[in-house]
Amino acid sequence: MTEIRASEIQSSGGNRIHERRSEPRFPVNQRVEVTLLGDPAVAFTARLTNVSSHGLRILSAQKLAPGTAVRVDIEDAEVLGEVRYCASNDDAYAVGIVIYSPSNPSGDRSN
């Protein structure tokens, strides 16, 4: 596995982004249903753009606050996670979601 170290890159909007990836991302282009796990729960459609063993990236018309608990329905699967970042990306928001797992229920990346 190739590790991509911290580097400075430019986003499509021309903004400089510092990025550190310790695991590969796999590109996807799939419609998903996202539910904000609040009271009341709010659901909307988004586009899944990449996945890794610990996270997802979606494009959403909704701006989501970091720390928001979400459920992402992907075909017959349900993924629980937490919003880590939300950045403006052209006419949508790029949203990074860390996946909760039985061995990592808080989504802590240090495990």
N, C-alpha and C. Protein backbone atom coordinates (compact mmCIF):
# COMPACT_ATOMS: atom_id res chain seq x y z
N MET A 1 0.85 -1.17 0.00
CA MET A 1 0.00 0.00 0.00
C MET A 1 0.89 1.24 0.00
N THR A 2 0.57 2.19 -0.82
CA THR A 2 1.31 3.44 -0.92
C THR A 2 0.72 4.46 0.03
N GLU A 3 1.58 5.09 0.83
CA GLU A 3 1.12 6.14 1.72
C GLU A 3 1.36 7.48 1.06
N ILE A 4 0.34 8.32 1.05
CA ILE A 4 0.48 9.66 0.50
C ILE A 4 0.69 10.59 1.69
N ARG A 5 1.82 11.23 1.71
CA ARG A 5 2.18 12.10 2.84
C ARG A 5 1.50 13.46 2.71
N ALA A 6 1.56 14.20 3.81
CA ALA A 6 0.99 15.54 3.80
C ALA A 6 1.58 16.34 2.65
N SER A 7 0.73 16.96 1.89
CA SER A 7 1.19 17.76 0.76
C SER A 7 0.21 18.90 0.54
N GLU A 8 0.68 19.88 -0.18
CA GLU A 8 -0.20 21.00 -0.49
C GLU A 8 -0.70 20.82 -1.91
N ILE A 9 -2.03 20.81 -2.07
CA ILE A 9 -2.64 20.65 -3.37
C ILE A 9 -3.63 21.77 -3.57
N GLN A 10 -4.08 21.94 -4.79
CA GLN A 10 -5.09 22.94 -5.08
C GLN A 10 -6.40 22.25 -5.38
N SER A 11 -7.48 22.75 -4.77
CA SER A 11 -8.80 22.22 -5.05
C SER A 11 -9.28 22.77 -6.38
N SER A 12 -10.41 22.25 -6.86
CA SER A 12 -10.96 22.73 -8.13
C SER A 12 -11.33 24.20 -8.05
N GLY A 13 -11.57 24.71 -6.85
CA GLY A 13 -11.91 26.12 -6.68
C GLY A 13 -10.69 27.01 -6.53
N GLY A 14 -9.48 26.43 -6.62
CA GLY A 14 -8.26 27.23 -6.52
C GLY A 14 -7.75 27.41 -5.10
N ASN A 15 -8.49 26.89 -4.10
CA ASN A 15 -8.04 27.00 -2.71
C ASN A 15 -6.97 25.97 -2.42
N ARG A 16 -6.01 26.35 -1.59
CA ARG A 16 -4.96 25.39 -1.22
C ARG A 16 -5.47 24.55 -0.05
N ILE A 17 -5.21 23.24 -0.15
CA ILE A 17 -5.69 22.30 0.86
C ILE A 17 -4.49 21.47 1.34
N HIS A 18 -4.37 21.30 2.64
CA HIS A 18 -3.37 20.39 3.19
C HIS A 18 -4.06 19.05 3.38
N GLU A 19 -3.45 18.01 2.84
CA GLU A 19 -4.11 16.72 2.85
C GLU A 19 -3.15 15.63 3.29
N ARG A 20 -3.61 14.73 4.16
CA ARG A 20 -2.81 13.58 4.60
C ARG A 20 -3.67 12.34 4.43
N ARG A 21 -3.21 11.44 3.61
CA ARG A 21 -3.95 10.20 3.40
C ARG A 21 -3.06 9.03 3.80
N SER A 22 -3.59 8.18 4.68
CA SER A 22 -2.83 7.02 5.12
C SER A 22 -3.40 5.74 4.53
N GLU A 23 -4.45 5.83 3.74
CA GLU A 23 -5.06 4.66 3.13
C GLU A 23 -5.62 5.04 1.77
N PRO A 24 -5.73 4.07 0.87
CA PRO A 24 -6.22 4.40 -0.46
C PRO A 24 -7.70 4.76 -0.48
N ARG A 25 -8.06 5.65 -1.39
CA ARG A 25 -9.45 6.01 -1.65
C ARG A 25 -9.84 5.34 -2.96
N PHE A 26 -11.08 4.89 -3.04
CA PHE A 26 -11.56 4.26 -4.26
C PHE A 26 -12.68 5.12 -4.83
N PRO A 27 -12.51 5.58 -6.07
CA PRO A 27 -13.53 6.45 -6.66
C PRO A 27 -14.84 5.70 -6.90
N VAL A 28 -15.93 6.40 -6.65
CA VAL A 28 -17.28 5.87 -6.82
C VAL A 28 -18.12 7.01 -7.38
N ASN A 29 -19.20 6.67 -8.04
CA ASN A 29 -20.15 7.69 -8.49
C ASN A 29 -21.54 7.08 -8.33
N GLN A 30 -22.09 7.24 -7.13
CA GLN A 30 -23.34 6.56 -6.80
C GLN A 30 -24.25 7.45 -5.96
N ARG A 31 -25.53 7.41 -6.28
CA ARG A 31 -26.53 8.13 -5.51
C ARG A 31 -26.74 7.40 -4.19
N VAL A 32 -26.79 8.16 -3.08
CA VAL A 32 -27.02 7.60 -1.75
C VAL A 32 -28.04 8.44 -1.01
N GLU A 33 -28.65 7.86 0.00
CA GLU A 33 -29.55 8.59 0.88
C GLU A 33 -28.80 8.85 2.18
N VAL A 34 -28.78 10.11 2.61
CA VAL A 34 -28.10 10.51 3.83
C VAL A 34 -29.16 10.95 4.84
N THR A 35 -29.05 10.44 6.06
CA THR A 35 -29.97 10.84 7.13
C THR A 35 -29.16 11.46 8.25
N LEU A 36 -29.52 12.69 8.62
CA LEU A 36 -28.92 13.34 9.78
C LEU A 36 -29.61 12.77 11.01
N LEU A 37 -28.84 12.21 11.93
CA LEU A 37 -29.41 11.51 13.08
C LEU A 37 -29.67 12.47 14.23
N GLY A 38 -30.61 13.36 14.02
CA GLY A 38 -31.00 14.31 15.05
C GLY A 38 -32.45 14.10 15.41
N ASP A 39 -32.99 15.05 16.13
CA ASP A 39 -34.41 14.98 16.50
C ASP A 39 -35.07 16.24 15.99
N PRO A 40 -35.75 16.19 14.87
CA PRO A 40 -36.09 14.99 14.10
C PRO A 40 -34.99 14.64 13.12
N ALA A 41 -35.00 13.39 12.66
CA ALA A 41 -34.06 12.96 11.63
C ALA A 41 -34.44 13.63 10.32
N VAL A 42 -33.43 14.04 9.56
CA VAL A 42 -33.65 14.70 8.27
C VAL A 42 -32.92 13.89 7.20
N ALA A 43 -33.61 13.55 6.11
CA ALA A 43 -33.01 12.74 5.05
C ALA A 43 -32.96 13.52 3.74
N PHE A 44 -31.93 13.25 2.93
CA PHE A 44 -31.78 13.87 1.62
C PHE A 44 -30.89 12.99 0.76
N THR A 45 -30.90 13.25 -0.53
CA THR A 45 -30.09 12.49 -1.48
C THR A 45 -28.76 13.21 -1.70
N ALA A 46 -27.69 12.43 -1.86
CA ALA A 46 -26.36 12.97 -2.15
C ALA A 46 -25.66 12.02 -3.12
N ARG A 47 -24.44 12.37 -3.52
CA ARG A 47 -23.67 11.55 -4.44
C ARG A 47 -22.40 11.09 -3.74
N LEU A 48 -22.20 9.77 -3.63
CA LEU A 48 -20.99 9.18 -3.05
C LEU A 48 -19.89 9.28 -4.10
N THR A 49 -18.73 9.87 -3.73
CA THR A 49 -17.65 10.07 -4.70
C THR A 49 -16.41 9.24 -4.42
N ASN A 50 -16.16 8.86 -3.16
CA ASN A 50 -15.07 7.93 -2.89
C ASN A 50 -15.27 7.27 -1.54
N VAL A 51 -14.61 6.11 -1.39
CA VAL A 51 -14.69 5.34 -0.15
C VAL A 51 -13.31 4.85 0.23
N SER A 52 -13.11 4.63 1.52
CA SER A 52 -11.90 3.99 2.04
C SER A 52 -12.35 3.09 3.18
N SER A 53 -11.42 2.43 3.82
CA SER A 53 -11.80 1.53 4.90
C SER A 53 -12.32 2.28 6.12
N HIS A 54 -12.01 3.57 6.24
CA HIS A 54 -12.45 4.35 7.40
C HIS A 54 -13.40 5.49 7.08
N GLY A 55 -13.68 5.73 5.79
CA GLY A 55 -14.49 6.90 5.51
C GLY A 55 -15.12 6.93 4.13
N LEU A 56 -15.96 7.95 3.97
CA LEU A 56 -16.67 8.21 2.73
C LEU A 56 -16.52 9.68 2.39
N ARG A 57 -16.65 9.99 1.12
CA ARG A 57 -16.76 11.39 0.70
C ARG A 57 -18.01 11.48 -0.16
N ILE A 58 -18.86 12.43 0.19
CA ILE A 58 -20.07 12.65 -0.59
C ILE A 58 -20.10 14.08 -1.09
N LEU A 59 -20.86 14.32 -2.15
CA LEU A 59 -21.20 15.66 -2.60
C LEU A 59 -22.65 15.87 -2.26
N SER A 60 -22.93 16.98 -1.60
CA SER A 60 -24.27 17.25 -1.08
C SER A 60 -24.69 18.68 -1.37
N ALA A 61 -25.96 18.88 -1.60
CA ALA A 61 -26.50 20.23 -1.72
C ALA A 61 -26.63 20.86 -0.33
N GLN A 62 -26.60 20.02 0.70
CA GLN A 62 -26.73 20.46 2.09
C GLN A 62 -25.37 20.73 2.70
N LYS A 63 -25.24 21.84 3.42
CA LYS A 63 -24.04 22.12 4.20
C LYS A 63 -24.19 21.40 5.53
N LEU A 64 -23.21 20.57 5.90
CA LEU A 64 -23.28 19.78 7.12
C LEU A 64 -22.20 20.20 8.10
N ALA A 65 -22.56 20.29 9.36
CA ALA A 65 -21.62 20.71 10.39
C ALA A 65 -20.73 19.54 10.82
N PRO A 66 -19.42 19.77 10.96
CA PRO A 66 -18.56 18.73 11.51
C PRO A 66 -19.10 18.27 12.88
N GLY A 67 -19.01 16.97 13.11
CA GLY A 67 -19.52 16.39 14.35
C GLY A 67 -20.93 15.84 14.24
N THR A 68 -21.61 16.13 13.12
CA THR A 68 -22.98 15.64 12.92
C THR A 68 -22.98 14.13 12.68
N ALA A 69 -23.80 13.41 13.43
CA ALA A 69 -23.95 11.96 13.23
C ALA A 69 -24.85 11.73 12.02
N VAL A 70 -24.45 10.80 11.15
CA VAL A 70 -25.20 10.53 9.92
C VAL A 70 -25.33 9.03 9.69
N ARG A 71 -26.36 8.68 8.92
CA ARG A 71 -26.50 7.34 8.37
C ARG A 71 -26.50 7.50 6.86
N VAL A 72 -25.70 6.70 6.16
CA VAL A 72 -25.65 6.74 4.71
C VAL A 72 -26.14 5.39 4.20
N ASP A 73 -27.22 5.41 3.42
CA ASP A 73 -27.78 4.20 2.84
C ASP A 73 -27.22 4.05 1.43
N ILE A 74 -26.46 2.96 1.23
CA ILE A 74 -25.81 2.67 -0.05
C ILE A 74 -26.36 1.33 -0.53
N GLU A 75 -27.21 1.37 -1.52
CA GLU A 75 -27.89 0.17 -2.02
C GLU A 75 -28.52 -0.56 -0.83
N ASP A 76 -28.06 -1.79 -0.52
CA ASP A 76 -28.65 -2.56 0.58
C ASP A 76 -27.87 -2.43 1.88
N ALA A 77 -26.90 -1.52 1.94
CA ALA A 77 -26.07 -1.36 3.13
C ALA A 77 -26.39 -0.05 3.84
N GLU A 78 -26.16 -0.05 5.14
CA GLU A 78 -26.35 1.13 5.98
C GLU A 78 -25.03 1.40 6.69
N VAL A 79 -24.52 2.62 6.55
CA VAL A 79 -23.25 2.99 7.16
C VAL A 79 -23.51 4.13 8.15
N LEU A 80 -23.02 3.98 9.38
CA LEU A 80 -23.13 5.03 10.38
C LEU A 80 -21.79 5.74 10.50
N GLY A 81 -21.83 7.06 10.65
CA GLY A 81 -20.60 7.81 10.74
C GLY A 81 -20.80 9.21 11.28
N GLU A 82 -19.74 9.99 11.18
CA GLU A 82 -19.75 11.36 11.68
C GLU A 82 -19.07 12.27 10.66
N VAL A 83 -19.66 13.42 10.43
CA VAL A 83 -19.08 14.40 9.51
C VAL A 83 -17.78 14.93 10.10
N ARG A 84 -16.70 14.85 9.31
CA ARG A 84 -15.40 15.38 9.73
C ARG A 84 -15.13 16.74 9.12
N TYR A 85 -15.56 16.95 7.88
CA TYR A 85 -15.37 18.25 7.24
C TYR A 85 -16.47 18.48 6.23
N CYS A 86 -16.67 19.74 5.90
CA CYS A 86 -17.63 20.12 4.86
C CYS A 86 -17.05 21.35 4.18
N ALA A 87 -16.78 21.23 2.89
CA ALA A 87 -16.14 22.32 2.16
C ALA A 87 -16.92 22.61 0.88
N SER A 88 -17.06 23.89 0.57
CA SER A 88 -17.73 24.29 -0.66
C SER A 88 -16.95 23.74 -1.85
N ASN A 89 -17.68 23.16 -2.81
CA ASN A 89 -17.05 22.55 -3.98
C ASN A 89 -17.95 22.85 -5.18
N ASP A 90 -17.66 23.95 -5.88
CA ASP A 90 -18.48 24.41 -7.00
C ASP A 90 -19.91 24.64 -6.53
N ASP A 91 -20.89 23.89 -7.06
CA ASP A 91 -22.29 24.12 -6.70
C ASP A 91 -22.79 23.16 -5.63
N ALA A 92 -21.88 22.49 -4.92
CA ALA A 92 -22.26 21.53 -3.87
C ALA A 92 -21.27 21.64 -2.72
N TYR A 93 -21.42 20.77 -1.74
CA TYR A 93 -20.49 20.68 -0.62
C TYR A 93 -19.83 19.32 -0.64
N ALA A 94 -18.50 19.29 -0.50
CA ALA A 94 -17.76 18.04 -0.35
C ALA A 94 -17.74 17.74 1.14
N VAL A 95 -18.25 16.56 1.51
CA VAL A 95 -18.40 16.19 2.91
C VAL A 95 -17.62 14.92 3.19
N GLY A 96 -16.71 14.98 4.15
CA GLY A 96 -15.96 13.81 4.58
C GLY A 96 -16.64 13.20 5.80
N ILE A 97 -16.84 11.90 5.75
CA ILE A 97 -17.53 11.19 6.84
C ILE A 97 -16.64 10.06 7.32
N VAL A 98 -16.33 10.03 8.62
CA VAL A 98 -15.59 8.91 9.20
C VAL A 98 -16.62 7.85 9.58
N ILE A 99 -16.31 6.59 9.25
CA ILE A 99 -17.24 5.49 9.49
C ILE A 99 -17.09 4.98 10.91
N TYR A 100 -18.22 4.80 11.60
CA TYR A 100 -18.23 4.12 12.89
C TYR A 100 -18.16 2.63 12.61
N SER A 101 -17.46 1.89 13.45
CA SER A 101 -17.42 0.43 13.33
C SER A 101 -17.51 -0.17 14.72
N PRO A 102 -17.84 -1.46 14.83
CA PRO A 102 -17.94 -2.08 16.16
C PRO A 102 -16.66 -1.93 16.97
N SER A 103 -15.50 -1.98 16.31
CA SER A 103 -14.23 -1.83 17.03
C SER A 103 -13.84 -0.38 17.24
N ASN A 104 -14.58 0.55 16.63
CA ASN A 104 -14.27 1.97 16.71
C ASN A 104 -15.56 2.78 16.70
N PRO A 105 -16.40 2.62 17.74
CA PRO A 105 -17.72 3.26 17.71
C PRO A 105 -17.70 4.77 17.74
N SER A 106 -16.60 5.38 18.16
CA SER A 106 -16.56 6.85 18.20
C SER A 106 -16.02 7.44 16.92
N GLY A 107 -15.50 6.60 16.01
CA GLY A 107 -14.92 7.13 14.78
C GLY A 107 -13.52 7.69 14.96
N ASP A 108 -12.86 7.34 16.06
CA ASP A 108 -11.51 7.82 16.35
C ASP A 108 -10.52 7.21 15.37
N ARG A 109 -9.78 8.03 14.62
CA ARG A 109 -8.84 7.54 13.60
C ARG A 109 -7.53 7.04 14.21
N SER A 110 -7.31 7.19 15.52
CA SER A 110 -6.04 6.78 16.11
C SER A 110 -5.95 5.28 16.35
N ASN A 111 -7.06 4.55 16.18
CA ASN A 111 -7.05 3.08 16.37
C ASN A 111 -6.28 2.41 15.27
